[in-house]
Amino acid sequence: MTIDSPQAAFVTRTQCPLCHKEIIMNWERDEIPYFGDVMYITACCDCSFRFTDTMILSQKEPVRYELVIEGPEDLYAKVVRSTSGTIKVPELGIVVEPGSISESYITNIEGVLDRILGVVISATKWVSDEPEKYERGLQLQEMIHEAVDGKRKLTVIIEDPLGNSAIVSEKAVSCKLTPEQARMLKTGMIVFDAESSEIEIDGYNEHTIGN
C-alpha cells in the first residue's frame, strides 16, 4: 500500500535495523491547517529501536522556511520538522542538523527554542572550565530567554531537501531550494558555529536530545 491511499491509517511490516526482528510500522494520515495532508509514521521494537517521521504529502520540492520572531504570538507558529530538516538560528550561530536516526516532531517555535536551550545548557556545563566559552554559553541562554519573553528578535529557518518540514505561519517566508542548495544540506551533528558562539558539540547527534 502506498502513502497516496485515501485510508486515514494502516500498518506495514518491516525488519528492525538493530535486531532484525519483524516490526510494525504505523501510518496515520492527518491534515495540518494552512498546509495540507501529512502522514505520521511510527515504529518501535522491544530491543529499544524507535522511529518516527512526518511526511508532508502535498510538498515534495526542496524547501526553505524563515520566520522572524518579533513578539509572543510568533512563538505559537507551528513547526513541522521531519528527519531530513535542518534548523538554523543565525543570531545565535546555531545549526541543528539531523542525525542518522533522528526523529521528526511537530511543535511550535517556543518548543524549538526550548530544545535548543536544553542543548545550550548542556554544552555550557561541558565547558565550565573554559571561561570564555562558558560565558558565551550563558549569553546564548540569556538570548533565548529574551526571545521567549518578547525582548529580542530571532530568526528561525528550516531547510529540507525532501520538502517534509515546514513553519506554518502567515508570516513565514518560504521558497524552493535550488538543487545545488539542497545538496549542501548535511546530516550529522548539532554545531555551534565557532565564529559566533565559540562552542562546538562534536559527536552529539540530534536524536540524543530527546523529545
C-alpha atoms as a PDB file:
ATOM      1  CA  MET A   1       0.000   0.000   0.000  1.00  0.00           C
ATOM      2  CA  THR A   2       1.303   3.465  -0.842  1.00  0.00           C
ATOM      3  CA  ILE A   3       1.109   6.725   1.070  1.00  0.00           C
ATOM      4  CA  ASP A   4      -1.333   8.020  -1.557  1.00  0.00           C
ATOM      5  CA  SER A   5      -4.018   5.667  -0.237  1.00  0.00           C
ATOM      6  CA  PRO A   6      -7.143   7.532   0.931  1.00  0.00           C
ATOM      7  CA  GLN A   7      -7.181   5.491   4.132  1.00  0.00           C
ATOM      8  CA  ALA A   8      -6.576   7.529   7.290  1.00  0.00           C
ATOM      9  CA  ALA A   9      -4.459   4.817   8.913  1.00  0.00           C
ATOM     10  CA  PHE A  10      -2.837   1.496   8.090  1.00  0.00           C
ATOM     11  CA  VAL A  11       0.169  -0.623   9.048  1.00  0.00           C
ATOM     12  CA  THR A  12       3.053  -2.231   7.214  1.00  0.00           C
ATOM     13  CA  ARG A  13       5.675  -4.727   8.358  1.00  0.00           C
ATOM     14  CA  THR A  14       9.406  -4.364   8.084  1.00  0.00           C
ATOM     15  CA  GLN A  15      12.627  -5.539   9.728  1.00  0.00           C
ATOM     16  CA  CYS A  16      14.207  -3.820  12.711  1.00  0.00           C
ATOM     17  CA  PRO A  17      17.580  -2.400  11.628  1.00  0.00           C
ATOM     18  CA  LEU A  18      19.109  -3.250  15.022  1.00  0.00           C
ATOM     19  CA  CYS A  19      17.943  -6.748  15.945  1.00  0.00           C
ATOM     20  CA  HIS A  20      16.415  -7.757  12.585  1.00  0.00           C
ATOM     21  CA  LYS A  21      13.133  -8.889  14.112  1.00  0.00           C
ATOM     22  CA  GLU A  22       9.894  -8.052  12.347  1.00  0.00           C
ATOM     23  CA  ILE A  23       8.302  -4.800  13.495  1.00  0.00           C
ATOM     24  CA  ILE A  24       5.091  -2.991  12.614  1.00  0.00           C
ATOM     25  CA  MET A  25       5.141   0.494  11.123  1.00  0.00           C
ATOM     26  CA  ASN A  26       2.034   2.566  11.806  1.00  0.00           C
ATOM     27  CA  TRP A  27       0.943   5.078   9.160  1.00  0.00           C
ATOM     28  CA  GLU A  28      -1.617   7.715  10.118  1.00  0.00           C
ATOM     29  CA  ARG A  29      -2.870  10.448   7.836  1.00  0.00           C
ATOM     30  CA  ASP A  30      -3.850  13.890   9.136  1.00  0.00           C
ATOM     31  CA  GLU A  31      -4.355  17.432   7.909  1.00  0.00           C
ATOM     32  CA  ILE A  32      -2.488  20.498   9.170  1.00  0.00           C
ATOM     33  CA  PRO A  33      -4.420  23.771   8.768  1.00  0.00           C
ATOM     34  CA  TYR A  34      -2.921  26.103   6.149  1.00  0.00           C
ATOM     35  CA  PHE A  35      -0.573  23.394   4.962  1.00  0.00           C
ATOM     36  CA  GLY A  36      -2.280  20.207   3.869  1.00  0.00           C
ATOM     37  CA  ASP A  37      -2.117  16.450   4.293  1.00  0.00           C
ATOM     38  CA  VAL A  38       0.630  14.812   6.325  1.00  0.00           C
ATOM     39  CA  MET A  39       1.454  11.208   7.150  1.00  0.00           C
ATOM     40  CA  TYR A  40       2.782  10.270  10.594  1.00  0.00           C
ATOM     41  CA  ILE A  41       4.974   7.164  10.588  1.00  0.00           C
ATOM     42  CA  THR A  42       5.945   5.409  13.820  1.00  0.00           C
ATOM     43  CA  ALA A  43       7.583   2.125  14.744  1.00  0.00           C
ATOM     44  CA  CYS A  44       9.168   0.622  17.830  1.00  0.00           C
ATOM     45  CA  CYS A  45      10.863  -2.624  18.758  1.00  0.00           C
ATOM     46  CA  ASP A  46      11.427  -4.477  22.008  1.00  0.00           C
ATOM     47  CA  CYS A  47      15.173  -4.027  21.503  1.00  0.00           C
ATOM     48  CA  SER A  48      14.716  -0.244  22.110  1.00  0.00           C
ATOM     49  CA  PHE A  49      14.759   0.839  18.459  1.00  0.00           C
ATOM     50  CA  ARG A  50      12.265   3.628  17.823  1.00  0.00           C
ATOM     51  CA  PHE A  51      11.431   5.538  14.663  1.00  0.00           C
ATOM     52  CA  THR A  52       9.113   8.449  13.944  1.00  0.00           C
ATOM     53  CA  ASP A  53       8.735  10.584  10.871  1.00  0.00           C
ATOM     54  CA  THR A  54       6.317  13.047   9.344  1.00  0.00           C
ATOM     55  CA  MET A  55       5.759  13.156   5.602  1.00  0.00           C
ATOM     56  CA  ILE A  56       4.101  16.188   4.079  1.00  0.00           C
ATOM     57  CA  LEU A  57       2.115  14.697   1.225  1.00  0.00           C
ATOM     58  CA  SER A  58       1.436  17.956  -0.564  1.00  0.00           C
ATOM     59  CA  GLN A  59       5.036  19.204  -0.740  1.00  0.00           C
ATOM     60  CA  LYS A  60       7.945  17.394  -2.289  1.00  0.00           C
ATOM     61  CA  GLU A  61      10.258  20.118  -3.600  1.00  0.00           C
ATOM     62  CA  PRO A  62      13.340  21.096  -1.530  1.00  0.00           C
ATOM     63  CA  VAL A  63      12.120  23.969   0.643  1.00  0.00           C
ATOM     64  CA  ARG A  64      13.275  26.738   2.950  1.00  0.00           C
ATOM     65  CA  TYR A  65      11.078  28.443   5.548  1.00  0.00           C
ATOM     66  CA  GLU A  66      12.052  31.529   7.506  1.00  0.00           C
ATOM     67  CA  LEU A  67      10.227  33.241  10.359  1.00  0.00           C
ATOM     68  CA  VAL A  68      11.388  36.304  12.285  1.00  0.00           C
ATOM     69  CA  ILE A  69      10.286  36.087  15.907  1.00  0.00           C
ATOM     70  CA  GLU A  70       9.095  39.580  16.812  1.00  0.00           C
ATOM     71  CA  GLY A  71       6.526  39.007  19.533  1.00  0.00           C
ATOM     72  CA  PRO A  72       4.842  36.426  21.765  1.00  0.00           C
ATOM     73  CA  GLU A  73       2.336  35.471  19.052  1.00  0.00           C
ATOM     74  CA  ASP A  74       5.156  34.213  16.825  1.00  0.00           C
ATOM     75  CA  LEU A  75       6.103  31.628  19.451  1.00  0.00           C
ATOM     76  CA  TYR A  76       2.889  29.730  18.685  1.00  0.00           C
ATOM     77  CA  ALA A  77       3.640  29.226  14.982  1.00  0.00           C
ATOM     78  CA  LYS A  78       3.503  25.510  14.231  1.00  0.00           C
ATOM     79  CA  VAL A  79       6.732  23.790  13.229  1.00  0.00           C
ATOM     80  CA  VAL A  80       6.856  20.506  11.333  1.00  0.00           C
ATOM     81  CA  ARG A  81      10.377  19.169  11.492  1.00  0.00           C
ATOM     82  CA  SER A  82      10.984  15.936   9.592  1.00  0.00           C
ATOM     83  CA  THR A  83      14.006  13.675   9.921  1.00  0.00           C
ATOM     84  CA  SER A  84      15.550  15.460   6.934  1.00  0.00           C
ATOM     85  CA  GLY A  85      15.044  19.011   8.243  1.00  0.00           C
ATOM     86  CA  THR A  86      17.838  21.367   9.279  1.00  0.00           C
ATOM     87  CA  ILE A  87      17.034  24.165  11.740  1.00  0.00           C
ATOM     88  CA  LYS A  88      19.104  27.345  11.875  1.00  0.00           C
ATOM     89  CA  VAL A  89      19.045  30.355  14.219  1.00  0.00           C
ATOM     90  CA  PRO A  90      21.597  32.740  12.658  1.00  0.00           C
ATOM     91  CA  GLU A  91      21.634  35.258  15.507  1.00  0.00           C
ATOM     92  CA  LEU A  92      22.780  32.512  17.865  1.00  0.00           C
ATOM     93  CA  GLY A  93      25.125  30.879  15.362  1.00  0.00           C
ATOM     94  CA  ILE A  94      23.276  27.606  15.852  1.00  0.00           C
ATOM     95  CA  VAL A  95      22.587  24.875  13.308  1.00  0.00           C
ATOM     96  CA  VAL A  96      20.627  21.726  14.199  1.00  0.00           C
ATOM     97  CA  GLU A  97      21.287  19.066  11.574  1.00  0.00           C
ATOM     98  CA  PRO A  98      19.561  15.666  11.580  1.00  0.00           C
ATOM     99  CA  GLY A  99      21.497  12.670  12.809  1.00  0.00           C
ATOM    100  CA  SER A 100      21.448   9.204  11.262  1.00  0.00           C
ATOM    101  CA  ILE A 101      18.438   8.070  13.327  1.00  0.00           C
ATOM    102  CA  SER A 102      16.958  11.443  14.260  1.00  0.00           C
ATOM    103  CA  GLU A 103      13.238  11.685  14.877  1.00  0.00           C
ATOM    104  CA  SER A 104      10.675  14.053  13.452  1.00  0.00           C
ATOM    105  CA  TYR A 105       8.354  16.156  15.579  1.00  0.00           C
ATOM    106  CA  ILE A 106       5.567  18.682  15.374  1.00  0.00           C
ATOM    107  CA  THR A 107       5.819  21.525  17.865  1.00  0.00           C
ATOM    108  CA  ASN A 108       5.820  25.322  17.800  1.00  0.00           C
ATOM    109  CA  ILE A 109       8.558  27.953  17.698  1.00  0.00           C
ATOM    110  CA  GLU A 110       8.732  28.073  21.500  1.00  0.00           C
ATOM    111  CA  GLY A 111       9.168  24.292  21.533  1.00  0.00           C
ATOM    112  CA  VAL A 112      12.062  24.560  19.069  1.00  0.00           C
ATOM    113  CA  LEU A 113      13.731  27.203  21.233  1.00  0.00           C
ATOM    114  CA  ASP A 114      13.231  25.042  24.330  1.00  0.00           C
ATOM    115  CA  ARG A 115      15.016  22.149  22.615  1.00  0.00           C
ATOM    116  CA  ILE A 116      17.881  24.397  21.598  1.00  0.00           C
ATOM    117  CA  LEU A 117      18.061  25.865  25.105  1.00  0.00           C
ATOM    118  CA  GLY A 118      18.427  22.384  26.571  1.00  0.00           C
ATOM    119  CA  VAL A 119      21.413  21.673  24.327  1.00  0.00           C
ATOM    120  CA  VAL A 120      22.978  25.064  25.117  1.00  0.00           C
ATOM    121  CA  ILE A 121      22.644  24.416  28.855  1.00  0.00           C
ATOM    122  CA  SER A 122      24.344  21.033  28.470  1.00  0.00           C
ATOM    123  CA  ALA A 123      27.107  22.495  26.293  1.00  0.00           C
ATOM    124  CA  THR A 124      27.692  25.288  28.802  1.00  0.00           C
ATOM    125  CA  LYS A 125      28.203  22.745  31.586  1.00  0.00           C
ATOM    126  CA  TRP A 126      30.701  20.851  29.442  1.00  0.00           C
ATOM    127  CA  VAL A 127      32.900  23.956  29.075  1.00  0.00           C
ATOM    128  CA  SER A 128      32.609  25.192  32.667  1.00  0.00           C
ATOM    129  CA  ASP A 129      36.412  25.089  32.999  1.00  0.00           C
ATOM    130  CA  GLU A 130      36.889  27.346  29.937  1.00  0.00           C
ATOM    131  CA  PRO A 131      35.873  30.878  30.996  1.00  0.00           C
ATOM    132  CA  GLU A 132      35.348  32.398  27.538  1.00  0.00           C
ATOM    133  CA  LYS A 133      33.251  29.524  26.206  1.00  0.00           C
ATOM    134  CA  TYR A 134      31.351  29.262  29.472  1.00  0.00           C
ATOM    135  CA  GLU A 135      30.479  32.954  29.351  1.00  0.00           C
ATOM    136  CA  ARG A 136      29.348  32.612  25.736  1.00  0.00           C
ATOM    137  CA  GLY A 137      27.091  29.721  26.742  1.00  0.00           C
ATOM    138  CA  LEU A 138      25.466  31.892  29.409  1.00  0.00           C
ATOM    139  CA  GLN A 139      24.978  34.656  26.853  1.00  0.00           C
ATOM    140  CA  LEU A 140      23.237  32.272  24.451  1.00  0.00           C
ATOM    141  CA  GLN A 141      20.927  31.104  27.221  1.00  0.00           C
ATOM    142  CA  GLU A 142      20.034  34.701  28.036  1.00  0.00           C
ATOM    143  CA  MET A 143      19.366  35.497  24.362  1.00  0.00           C
ATOM    144  CA  ILE A 144      16.952  32.570  24.078  1.00  0.00           C
ATOM    145  CA  HIS A 145      15.136  33.604  27.261  1.00  0.00           C
ATOM    146  CA  GLU A 146      14.845  37.166  25.930  1.00  0.00           C
ATOM    147  CA  ALA A 147      13.352  35.892  22.668  1.00  0.00           C
ATOM    148  CA  VAL A 148      10.772  33.818  24.556  1.00  0.00           C
ATOM    149  CA  ASP A 149       9.924  36.886  26.687  1.00  0.00           C
ATOM    150  CA  GLY A 150       9.461  39.028  23.567  1.00  0.00           C
ATOM    151  CA  LYS A 151      12.535  41.173  24.251  1.00  0.00           C
ATOM    152  CA  ARG A 152      14.734  40.020  21.359  1.00  0.00           C
ATOM    153  CA  LYS A 153      14.227  39.222  17.691  1.00  0.00           C
ATOM    154  CA  LEU A 154      15.471  35.889  16.441  1.00  0.00           C
ATOM    155  CA  THR A 155      15.177  34.237  13.049  1.00  0.00           C
ATOM    156  CA  VAL A 156      14.230  30.567  12.789  1.00  0.00           C
ATOM    157  CA  ILE A 157      14.996  28.888   9.463  1.00  0.00           C
ATOM    158  CA  ILE A 158      14.099  25.357   8.383  1.00  0.00           C
ATOM    159  CA  GLU A 159      15.587  23.839   5.244  1.00  0.00           C
ATOM    160  CA  ASP A 160      14.600  20.414   3.969  1.00  0.00           C
ATOM    161  CA  PRO A 161      15.952  18.781   0.796  1.00  0.00           C
ATOM    162  CA  LEU A 162      12.967  16.388   0.780  1.00  0.00           C
ATOM    163  CA  GLY A 163      10.331  19.040   1.387  1.00  0.00           C
ATOM    164  CA  ASN A 164       8.946  17.356   4.510  1.00  0.00           C
ATOM    165  CA  SER A 165       9.475  20.200   7.015  1.00  0.00           C
ATOM    166  CA  ALA A 166       7.667  23.496   7.408  1.00  0.00           C
ATOM    167  CA  ILE A 167       6.838  26.526   9.527  1.00  0.00           C
ATOM    168  CA  VAL A 168       3.077  27.026   9.413  1.00  0.00           C
ATOM    169  CA  SER A 169       2.508  30.763   9.789  1.00  0.00           C
ATOM    170  CA  GLU A 170       1.182  33.571   7.611  1.00  0.00           C
ATOM    171  CA  LYS A 171       4.372  35.471   8.464  1.00  0.00           C
ATOM    172  CA  ALA A 172       6.707  32.676   7.394  1.00  0.00           C
ATOM    173  CA  VAL A 173       8.541  33.248   4.125  1.00  0.00           C
ATOM    174  CA  SER A 174       9.039  30.127   2.045  1.00  0.00           C
ATOM    175  CA  CYS A 175      10.919  29.403  -1.152  1.00  0.00           C
ATOM    176  CA  LYS A 176      12.170  26.436  -3.124  1.00  0.00           C
ATOM    177  CA  LEU A 177      15.797  25.461  -2.750  1.00  0.00           C
ATOM    178  CA  THR A 178      17.871  25.011  -5.867  1.00  0.00           C
ATOM    179  CA  PRO A 179      19.331  21.545  -6.461  1.00  0.00           C
ATOM    180  CA  GLU A 180      22.739  22.970  -5.502  1.00  0.00           C
ATOM    181  CA  GLN A 181      21.395  24.374  -2.220  1.00  0.00           C
ATOM    182  CA  ALA A 182      19.640  21.098  -1.423  1.00  0.00           C
ATOM    183  CA  ARG A 183      22.853  19.151  -1.951  1.00  0.00           C
ATOM    184  CA  MET A 184      24.647  21.424   0.530  1.00  0.00           C
ATOM    185  CA  LEU A 185      22.387  20.310   3.377  1.00  0.00           C
ATOM    186  CA  LYS A 186      24.066  17.755   5.608  1.00  0.00           C
ATOM    187  CA  THR A 187      23.017  15.062   8.036  1.00  0.00           C
ATOM    188  CA  GLY A 188      25.231  14.991  11.091  1.00  0.00           C
ATOM    189  CA  MET A 189      25.817  16.871  14.284  1.00  0.00           C
ATOM    190  CA  ILE A 190      24.479  19.812  16.223  1.00  0.00           C
ATOM    191  CA  VAL A 191      27.059  22.541  15.788  1.00  0.00           C
ATOM    192  CA  PHE A 192      27.537  25.859  17.499  1.00  0.00           C
ATOM    193  CA  ASP A 193      29.287  27.977  14.885  1.00  0.00           C
ATOM    194  CA  ALA A 194      32.785  28.749  16.165  1.00  0.00           C
ATOM    195  CA  GLU A 195      32.801  32.344  14.913  1.00  0.00           C
ATOM    196  CA  SER A 196      29.648  33.329  16.724  1.00  0.00           C
ATOM    197  CA  SER A 197      29.308  31.045  19.735  1.00  0.00           C
ATOM    198  CA  GLU A 198      32.771  29.536  20.207  1.00  0.00           C
ATOM    199  CA  ILE A 199      31.152  26.290  21.302  1.00  0.00           C
ATOM    200  CA  GLU A 200      31.088  23.098  19.264  1.00  0.00           C
ATOM    201  CA  ILE A 201      29.417  19.834  20.135  1.00  0.00           C
ATOM    202  CA  ASP A 202      31.258  17.041  18.376  1.00  0.00           C
ATOM    203  CA  GLY A 203      29.588  13.671  18.083  1.00  0.00           C
ATOM    204  CA  TYR A 204      26.311  14.934  19.558  1.00  0.00           C
ATOM    205  CA  ASN A 205      23.647  13.658  17.165  1.00  0.00           C
ATOM    206  CA  GLU A 206      20.315  15.457  17.114  1.00  0.00           C
ATOM    207  CA  HIS A 207      18.426  12.329  18.112  1.00  0.00           C
ATOM    208  CA  THR A 208      20.146  12.293  21.504  1.00  0.00           C
ATOM    209  CA  ILE A 209      18.353  15.471  22.588  1.00  0.00           C
ATOM    210  CA  GLY A 210      15.114  13.666  23.298  1.00  0.00           C
ATOM    211  CA  ASN A 211      11.564  14.839  22.722  1.00  0.00           C
END
